[in-house]
Amino acid sequence: MLSLQEISDRMEISDLLSRYSHAIDFQDWDALDEVFTPDAIIDYSETGGAKGSYAEIKAWLPGALGRFPRYQHMVATTKLDLDGDTARSRSILFNPMVYQGEGKPEQVFFIGLWYRDRLVRTDKGWRIAERYEEMGYSYNTPDMPPVASLDGAAA
């Protein structure tokens, strides 16, 4: 039987993962301050993105996602291993996106991946301290120029 603390932790972490999706999908970059620890390391490199500190990734995201007029991040089926004030999770992400190349019609494509996270309890609640984005699949992905690296150059 789950203790009240474990039930609370699981609900808070579920809410944390949802807050990430809402922050990204509504381009509320400052809301990510309530998702990640200030010293978090985020690695989107396997899926064509960047790897860096939370501050670097937060500054990079608007440009990286700005080329997509619409997208959604649906996080589901999280496997969560709690260990006191730390936890590890692995969650599915289903990510439909819309891209429109110059002079071309909009194209919807899909990305399926895994978020592998290390989470920590802080005095402000649970936060993601490490995030690794593991590629699963993509479908109908258009030809696109590479996303800029953290320093602004094409990756």
Protein backbone atom coordinates (compact mmCIF):
# COMPACT_ATOMS: atom_id res chain seq x y z
CA MET A 1 0.00 0.00 0.00
CA LEU A 2 1.29 3.46 -0.85
CA SER A 3 1.96 5.86 1.98
CA LEU A 4 0.35 9.30 1.96
CA GLN A 5 3.82 10.77 1.27
CA GLU A 6 4.33 8.56 -1.78
CA ILE A 7 0.84 9.38 -3.08
CA SER A 8 1.61 13.08 -2.64
CA ASP A 9 5.03 12.75 -4.30
CA ARG A 10 3.58 10.90 -7.28
CA MET A 11 0.84 13.50 -7.75
CA GLU A 12 3.29 16.39 -7.44
CA ILE A 13 5.67 14.82 -9.98
CA SER A 14 2.80 14.14 -12.38
CA ASP A 15 1.82 17.81 -12.08
CA LEU A 16 5.46 18.83 -12.64
CA LEU A 17 5.62 16.87 -15.92
CA SER A 18 2.35 18.47 -17.05
CA ARG A 19 3.66 21.95 -16.20
CA TYR A 20 6.63 21.30 -18.48
CA SER A 21 4.33 20.49 -21.41
CA HIS A 22 2.16 23.54 -20.82
CA ALA A 23 5.17 25.85 -20.50
CA ILE A 24 6.62 24.58 -23.79
CA ASP A 25 3.34 24.49 -25.73
CA PHE A 26 2.28 27.97 -24.63
CA GLN A 27 5.81 29.37 -24.97
CA ASP A 28 5.81 30.46 -21.34
CA TRP A 29 9.56 30.12 -20.95
CA ASP A 30 9.63 31.65 -17.47
CA ALA A 31 7.24 28.95 -16.25
CA LEU A 32 10.12 26.52 -16.77
CA ASP A 33 11.74 28.11 -13.69
CA GLU A 34 9.14 26.14 -11.69
CA VAL A 35 10.01 22.89 -13.53
CA PHE A 36 13.81 22.67 -13.51
CA THR A 37 16.41 23.23 -10.82
CA PRO A 38 18.63 26.24 -11.59
CA ASP A 39 21.60 23.88 -12.09
CA ALA A 40 19.71 21.33 -14.22
CA ILE A 41 21.37 19.71 -17.23
CA ILE A 42 19.11 19.15 -20.24
CA ASP A 43 20.08 17.01 -23.21
CA TYR A 44 17.93 17.16 -26.34
CA SER A 45 20.88 16.24 -28.62
CA GLU A 46 19.73 12.73 -29.57
CA THR A 47 16.63 14.24 -31.19
CA GLY A 48 18.50 16.97 -33.04
CA GLY A 49 18.49 19.61 -30.34
CA ALA A 50 21.04 21.00 -27.93
CA LYS A 51 22.61 19.93 -24.64
CA GLY A 52 23.37 22.41 -21.91
CA SER A 53 22.56 24.00 -18.61
CA TYR A 54 19.02 25.01 -17.80
CA ALA A 55 19.85 28.68 -18.48
CA GLU A 56 21.37 27.82 -21.88
CA ILE A 57 18.44 25.64 -22.92
CA LYS A 58 15.87 28.19 -21.71
CA ALA A 59 17.51 30.84 -23.92
CA TRP A 60 17.75 28.40 -26.85
CA LEU A 61 14.15 27.11 -26.82
CA PRO A 62 12.35 30.15 -28.32
CA GLY A 63 14.52 30.04 -31.44
CA ALA A 64 14.49 26.27 -31.71
CA LEU A 65 10.70 26.02 -31.46
CA GLY A 66 9.92 29.33 -33.16
CA ARG A 67 9.97 27.74 -36.60
CA PHE A 68 6.96 25.59 -35.73
CA PRO A 69 3.61 27.43 -35.78
CA ARG A 70 1.94 24.75 -33.66
CA TYR A 71 2.92 21.74 -31.58
CA GLN A 72 1.81 19.73 -28.57
CA HIS A 73 3.69 17.73 -25.98
CA MET A 74 1.76 14.87 -24.42
CA VAL A 75 3.65 13.13 -21.61
CA ALA A 76 2.21 9.79 -20.49
CA THR A 77 2.84 6.38 -18.95
CA THR A 78 5.52 7.55 -16.58
CA LYS A 79 7.53 4.88 -14.78
CA LEU A 80 8.57 6.49 -11.52
CA ASP A 81 11.11 5.20 -9.00
CA LEU A 82 11.03 7.22 -5.77
CA ASP A 83 13.90 7.18 -3.30
CA GLY A 84 13.29 9.70 -0.52
CA ASP A 85 14.02 13.18 -1.85
CA THR A 86 15.14 11.95 -5.28
CA ALA A 87 13.45 10.06 -8.06
CA ARG A 88 14.06 8.70 -11.53
CA SER A 89 11.41 8.63 -14.21
CA ARG A 90 10.97 7.50 -17.78
CA SER A 91 7.98 8.97 -19.64
CA ILE A 92 6.64 8.69 -23.15
CA LEU A 93 6.33 11.89 -25.13
CA PHE A 94 4.02 12.01 -28.14
CA ASN A 95 4.76 15.22 -30.02
CA PRO A 96 2.72 16.25 -33.07
CA MET A 97 4.22 19.29 -34.76
CA VAL A 98 3.43 21.54 -37.72
CA TYR A 99 6.16 22.83 -40.04
CA GLN A 100 5.89 25.08 -43.07
CA GLY A 101 8.92 25.43 -45.28
CA GLU A 102 9.33 28.50 -47.45
CA GLY A 103 6.69 28.43 -50.22
CA LYS A 104 5.37 25.06 -49.07
CA PRO A 105 2.10 24.02 -47.42
CA GLU A 106 1.99 23.18 -43.74
CA GLN A 107 3.04 19.64 -42.92
CA VAL A 108 2.06 17.78 -39.76
CA PHE A 109 4.59 15.29 -38.44
CA PHE A 110 4.93 13.19 -35.32
CA ILE A 111 7.76 12.46 -32.95
CA GLY A 112 7.69 9.77 -30.28
CA LEU A 113 10.37 9.78 -27.65
CA TRP A 114 11.21 9.12 -24.03
CA TYR A 115 12.07 11.63 -21.34
CA ARG A 116 14.52 10.15 -18.85
CA ASP A 117 14.59 12.41 -15.81
CA ARG A 118 16.31 12.68 -12.47
CA LEU A 119 14.08 14.59 -10.08
CA VAL A 120 14.78 16.17 -6.70
CA ARG A 121 12.59 17.47 -3.92
CA THR A 122 13.44 21.11 -3.21
CA ASP A 123 12.05 23.60 -0.72
CA LYS A 124 9.78 24.74 -3.60
CA GLY A 125 8.60 21.23 -4.50
CA TRP A 126 9.77 18.61 -6.97
CA ARG A 127 11.98 19.77 -9.83
CA ILE A 128 13.78 18.15 -12.74
CA ALA A 129 17.55 18.16 -12.16
CA GLU A 130 18.47 16.19 -15.31
CA ARG A 131 16.51 15.53 -18.48
CA TYR A 132 17.59 13.33 -21.35
CA GLU A 133 15.45 13.11 -24.47
CA GLU A 134 15.74 9.65 -26.05
CA MET A 135 14.53 9.27 -29.64
CA GLY A 136 11.86 6.67 -30.30
CA TYR A 137 10.53 7.37 -33.78
CA SER A 138 9.42 10.07 -36.18
CA TYR A 139 6.78 9.96 -38.87
CA ASN A 140 6.26 12.22 -41.88
CA THR A 141 9.15 14.46 -40.84
CA PRO A 142 9.72 17.22 -43.42
CA ASP A 143 13.08 18.33 -44.73
CA MET A 144 14.11 21.17 -42.46
CA PRO A 145 17.28 23.10 -41.91
CA PRO A 146 19.06 22.06 -38.70
CA VAL A 147 18.17 23.90 -35.54
CA ALA A 148 20.74 26.38 -34.25
CA SER A 149 23.18 25.23 -31.60
CA LEU A 150 23.48 26.94 -28.23
CA ASP A 151 25.92 29.46 -29.70
CA GLY A 152 23.48 30.33 -32.53
CA ALA A 153 25.29 28.48 -35.32
CA ALA A 154 23.51 25.82 -37.35
CA ALA A 155 23.92 22.44 -35.69
